[in-house]
Amino acid sequence: MPTQVTIEIDEMGRVILAPELLSALRLSPGTALVSELKEGRIVLEPLPEDPELIEKDGLLVVRPRITGNIANWVQQDRDDRITSLIREFR
């Protein structure tokens, strides 16, 4: 995927990120982003979610909230591993 992608702002002021960008960043529809203006640039970062504190077998356990599509993460990891192995054996 190219590191620079041109996107447009629609009539309602919305920005739609390219599917390749969403996949590379492991973002999915509904992911909350924080926008910040830094040195004349717009910076978008996923909103960190507070982990969930649960009791399990009498102990307090921290369970992080998973954002995004796990199936996509697994597939991306597999694809990366296959690509790495192919390069290794060439």
N, C-alpha and C. Protein backbone atom coordinates (compact mmCIF):
# COMPACT_ATOMS: atom_id res chain seq x y z
N MET A 1 0.83 -1.18 0.00
CA MET A 1 0.00 0.00 0.00
C MET A 1 0.88 1.24 0.00
N PRO A 2 0.53 2.23 -0.81
CA PRO A 2 1.31 3.47 -0.80
C PRO A 2 1.20 4.15 0.56
N THR A 3 2.25 4.89 0.93
CA THR A 3 2.23 5.57 2.23
C THR A 3 1.43 6.87 2.17
N GLN A 4 1.13 7.34 0.97
CA GLN A 4 0.35 8.57 0.83
C GLN A 4 -0.86 8.29 -0.04
N VAL A 5 -2.03 8.61 0.47
CA VAL A 5 -3.27 8.39 -0.25
C VAL A 5 -4.04 9.71 -0.27
N THR A 6 -4.54 10.11 -1.43
CA THR A 6 -5.33 11.34 -1.53
C THR A 6 -6.79 11.02 -1.23
N ILE A 7 -7.38 11.79 -0.32
CA ILE A 7 -8.79 11.63 0.01
C ILE A 7 -9.45 13.00 -0.09
N GLU A 8 -10.78 12.99 -0.18
CA GLU A 8 -11.52 14.25 -0.30
C GLU A 8 -12.50 14.40 0.84
N ILE A 9 -12.82 15.64 1.13
CA ILE A 9 -13.85 15.96 2.12
C ILE A 9 -15.16 16.11 1.36
N ASP A 10 -16.22 15.41 1.81
CA ASP A 10 -17.49 15.50 1.09
C ASP A 10 -18.26 16.75 1.51
N GLU A 11 -19.46 16.92 0.94
CA GLU A 11 -20.26 18.12 1.16
C GLU A 11 -20.63 18.32 2.63
N MET A 12 -20.65 17.23 3.40
CA MET A 12 -21.03 17.31 4.81
C MET A 12 -19.81 17.40 5.72
N GLY A 13 -18.62 17.55 5.13
CA GLY A 13 -17.40 17.70 5.92
C GLY A 13 -16.80 16.39 6.38
N ARG A 14 -17.25 15.28 5.82
CA ARG A 14 -16.75 13.97 6.22
C ARG A 14 -15.56 13.55 5.36
N VAL A 15 -14.70 12.78 5.98
CA VAL A 15 -13.54 12.22 5.29
C VAL A 15 -13.69 10.71 5.32
N ILE A 16 -13.56 10.07 4.16
CA ILE A 16 -13.64 8.62 4.09
C ILE A 16 -12.24 8.08 3.83
N LEU A 17 -11.78 7.22 4.72
CA LEU A 17 -10.45 6.63 4.58
C LEU A 17 -10.51 5.45 3.64
N ALA A 18 -9.47 5.29 2.84
CA ALA A 18 -9.40 4.21 1.87
C ALA A 18 -9.39 2.86 2.58
N PRO A 19 -10.04 1.84 2.00
CA PRO A 19 -10.06 0.51 2.61
C PRO A 19 -8.66 -0.04 2.90
N GLU A 20 -7.70 0.25 2.00
CA GLU A 20 -6.34 -0.25 2.22
C GLU A 20 -5.74 0.37 3.48
N LEU A 21 -6.05 1.64 3.71
CA LEU A 21 -5.54 2.33 4.90
C LEU A 21 -6.18 1.75 6.16
N LEU A 22 -7.49 1.53 6.12
CA LEU A 22 -8.18 0.94 7.27
C LEU A 22 -7.61 -0.44 7.59
N SER A 23 -7.39 -1.22 6.55
CA SER A 23 -6.85 -2.57 6.75
C SER A 23 -5.44 -2.53 7.32
N ALA A 24 -4.60 -1.68 6.76
CA ALA A 24 -3.21 -1.59 7.21
C ALA A 24 -3.12 -1.13 8.67
N LEU A 25 -4.04 -0.26 9.08
CA LEU A 25 -4.05 0.25 10.45
C LEU A 25 -4.92 -0.59 11.38
N ARG A 26 -5.53 -1.62 10.81
CA ARG A 26 -6.41 -2.52 11.57
C ARG A 26 -7.55 -1.76 12.25
N LEU A 27 -8.17 -0.89 11.47
CA LEU A 27 -9.33 -0.13 11.94
C LEU A 27 -10.57 -0.70 11.29
N SER A 28 -11.68 -0.63 11.98
CA SER A 28 -12.93 -1.13 11.42
C SER A 28 -14.02 -0.08 11.60
N PRO A 29 -15.13 -0.21 10.85
CA PRO A 29 -16.22 0.75 11.02
C PRO A 29 -16.66 0.81 12.48
N GLY A 30 -16.86 2.01 12.96
CA GLY A 30 -17.27 2.19 14.34
C GLY A 30 -16.13 2.50 15.29
N THR A 31 -14.89 2.35 14.83
CA THR A 31 -13.74 2.68 15.67
C THR A 31 -13.73 4.18 15.93
N ALA A 32 -13.66 4.57 17.19
CA ALA A 32 -13.62 5.99 17.55
C ALA A 32 -12.20 6.52 17.36
N LEU A 33 -12.09 7.68 16.74
CA LEU A 33 -10.79 8.31 16.51
C LEU A 33 -10.75 9.66 17.22
N VAL A 34 -9.57 10.04 17.68
CA VAL A 34 -9.34 11.36 18.25
C VAL A 34 -8.64 12.19 17.18
N SER A 35 -9.17 13.38 16.90
CA SER A 35 -8.51 14.25 15.92
C SER A 35 -7.79 15.37 16.66
N GLU A 36 -6.63 15.72 16.14
CA GLU A 36 -5.82 16.76 16.77
C GLU A 36 -5.14 17.58 15.67
N LEU A 37 -5.04 18.87 15.89
CA LEU A 37 -4.34 19.74 14.96
C LEU A 37 -2.93 19.95 15.49
N LYS A 38 -1.94 19.49 14.71
CA LYS A 38 -0.53 19.63 15.11
C LYS A 38 0.24 20.26 13.97
N GLU A 39 0.80 21.41 14.24
CA GLU A 39 1.65 22.10 13.26
C GLU A 39 1.00 22.17 11.88
N GLY A 40 -0.28 22.53 11.85
CA GLY A 40 -0.99 22.69 10.59
C GLY A 40 -1.42 21.38 9.95
N ARG A 41 -1.32 20.28 10.65
CA ARG A 41 -1.71 18.97 10.13
C ARG A 41 -2.81 18.37 11.00
N ILE A 42 -3.66 17.58 10.38
CA ILE A 42 -4.68 16.85 11.13
C ILE A 42 -4.10 15.48 11.47
N VAL A 43 -4.13 15.14 12.74
CA VAL A 43 -3.62 13.84 13.19
C VAL A 43 -4.81 13.06 13.74
N LEU A 44 -5.02 11.85 13.23
CA LEU A 44 -6.09 10.97 13.71
C LEU A 44 -5.46 9.79 14.42
N GLU A 45 -5.96 9.48 15.60
CA GLU A 45 -5.48 8.32 16.35
C GLU A 45 -6.68 7.60 16.95
N PRO A 46 -6.62 6.26 17.02
CA PRO A 46 -7.72 5.53 17.66
C PRO A 46 -7.87 5.98 19.11
N LEU A 47 -9.11 6.14 19.53
CA LEU A 47 -9.39 6.52 20.91
C LEU A 47 -9.09 5.33 21.81
N PRO A 48 -8.17 5.51 22.76
CA PRO A 48 -7.87 4.38 23.65
C PRO A 48 -9.08 4.10 24.54
N GLU A 49 -9.41 2.83 24.67
CA GLU A 49 -10.52 2.45 25.53
C GLU A 49 -9.99 1.95 26.86
N ASP A 50 -10.72 2.27 27.91
CA ASP A 50 -10.34 1.78 29.22
C ASP A 50 -10.56 0.27 29.27
N PRO A 51 -9.60 -0.44 29.84
CA PRO A 51 -9.78 -1.89 29.96
C PRO A 51 -10.89 -2.19 30.98
N GLU A 52 -11.47 -3.35 30.85
CA GLU A 52 -12.54 -3.77 31.75
C GLU A 52 -11.94 -4.54 32.92
N LEU A 53 -12.38 -4.22 34.13
CA LEU A 53 -11.91 -4.90 35.33
C LEU A 53 -12.99 -5.90 35.75
N ILE A 54 -12.64 -7.19 35.76
CA ILE A 54 -13.60 -8.23 36.12
C ILE A 54 -13.04 -9.09 37.24
N GLU A 55 -13.94 -9.80 37.90
CA GLU A 55 -13.51 -10.74 38.94
C GLU A 55 -13.57 -12.14 38.37
N LYS A 56 -12.46 -12.86 38.49
CA LYS A 56 -12.39 -14.23 37.98
C LYS A 56 -11.74 -15.10 39.04
N ASP A 57 -12.47 -16.09 39.52
CA ASP A 57 -11.98 -16.99 40.56
C ASP A 57 -11.48 -16.23 41.78
N GLY A 58 -12.19 -15.18 42.16
CA GLY A 58 -11.83 -14.42 43.35
C GLY A 58 -10.73 -13.39 43.15
N LEU A 59 -10.23 -13.27 41.92
CA LEU A 59 -9.16 -12.31 41.63
C LEU A 59 -9.67 -11.25 40.67
N LEU A 60 -9.17 -10.03 40.82
CA LEU A 60 -9.49 -8.98 39.85
C LEU A 60 -8.57 -9.13 38.65
N VAL A 61 -9.16 -9.16 37.48
CA VAL A 61 -8.42 -9.37 36.24
C VAL A 61 -8.75 -8.24 35.28
N VAL A 62 -7.76 -7.73 34.61
CA VAL A 62 -7.97 -6.69 33.60
C VAL A 62 -8.17 -7.37 32.25
N ARG A 63 -9.29 -7.06 31.62
CA ARG A 63 -9.56 -7.60 30.29
C ARG A 63 -9.66 -6.41 29.33
N PRO A 64 -8.69 -6.27 28.43
CA PRO A 64 -8.73 -5.13 27.50
C PRO A 64 -9.91 -5.28 26.54
N ARG A 65 -10.45 -4.16 26.14
CA ARG A 65 -11.53 -4.18 25.16
C ARG A 65 -10.89 -4.23 23.77
N ILE A 66 -11.34 -5.15 22.98
CA ILE A 66 -10.79 -5.33 21.64
C ILE A 66 -11.59 -4.47 20.67
N THR A 67 -10.88 -3.64 19.94
CA THR A 67 -11.53 -2.85 18.90
C THR A 67 -11.04 -3.36 17.56
N GLY A 68 -11.91 -3.35 16.61
CA GLY A 68 -11.53 -3.81 15.29
C GLY A 68 -12.00 -5.23 15.04
N ASN A 69 -11.66 -5.72 13.89
CA ASN A 69 -12.09 -7.03 13.45
C ASN A 69 -10.96 -8.03 13.64
N ILE A 70 -11.12 -8.95 14.56
CA ILE A 70 -10.06 -9.90 14.87
C ILE A 70 -9.74 -10.78 13.67
N ALA A 71 -10.76 -11.18 12.92
CA ALA A 71 -10.53 -12.02 11.75
C ALA A 71 -9.60 -11.33 10.76
N ASN A 72 -9.78 -10.02 10.58
CA ASN A 72 -8.90 -9.27 9.69
C ASN A 72 -7.48 -9.23 10.23
N TRP A 73 -7.33 -9.08 11.55
CA TRP A 73 -5.99 -9.06 12.16
C TRP A 73 -5.29 -10.39 11.95
N VAL A 74 -6.02 -11.48 12.16
CA VAL A 74 -5.43 -12.81 11.99
C VAL A 74 -5.02 -13.01 10.54
N GLN A 75 -5.90 -12.64 9.61
CA GLN A 75 -5.58 -12.80 8.18
C GLN A 75 -4.38 -11.96 7.79
N GLN A 76 -4.31 -10.72 8.28
CA GLN A 76 -3.17 -9.86 7.98
C GLN A 76 -1.88 -10.45 8.53
N ASP A 77 -1.94 -10.99 9.74
CA ASP A 77 -0.76 -11.62 10.35
C ASP A 77 -0.31 -12.83 9.53
N ARG A 78 -1.26 -13.63 9.09
CA ARG A 78 -0.93 -14.80 8.25
C ARG A 78 -0.30 -14.36 6.93
N ASP A 79 -0.90 -13.35 6.31
CA ASP A 79 -0.37 -12.85 5.05
C ASP A 79 1.06 -12.33 5.22
N ASP A 80 1.28 -11.59 6.31
CA ASP A 80 2.63 -11.07 6.59
C ASP A 80 3.62 -12.20 6.78
N ARG A 81 3.21 -13.24 7.49
CA ARG A 81 4.10 -14.38 7.75
C ARG A 81 4.42 -15.12 6.45
N ILE A 82 3.43 -15.33 5.62
CA ILE A 82 3.65 -16.01 4.33
C ILE A 82 4.59 -15.19 3.47
N THR A 83 4.38 -13.88 3.41
CA THR A 83 5.26 -13.01 2.64
C THR A 83 6.69 -13.09 3.16
N SER A 84 6.84 -13.10 4.47
CA SER A 84 8.17 -13.21 5.08
C SER A 84 8.84 -14.53 4.72
N LEU A 85 8.09 -15.61 4.77
CA LEU A 85 8.65 -16.93 4.43
C LEU A 85 9.04 -17.02 2.96
N ILE A 86 8.23 -16.44 2.10
CA ILE A 86 8.54 -16.46 0.67
C ILE A 86 9.84 -15.71 0.41
N ARG A 87 10.00 -14.55 1.04
CA ARG A 87 11.24 -13.77 0.87
C ARG A 87 12.44 -14.55 1.40
N GLU A 88 12.25 -15.25 2.50
CA GLU A 88 13.33 -15.99 3.15
C GLU A 88 13.84 -17.13 2.27
N PHE A 89 12.96 -17.77 1.53
CA PHE A 89 13.35 -18.94 0.75
C PHE A 89 13.60 -18.64 -0.72
N ARG A 90 13.65 -17.39 -1.10
CA ARG A 90 13.95 -17.05 -2.50
C ARG A 90 15.43 -17.06 -2.74
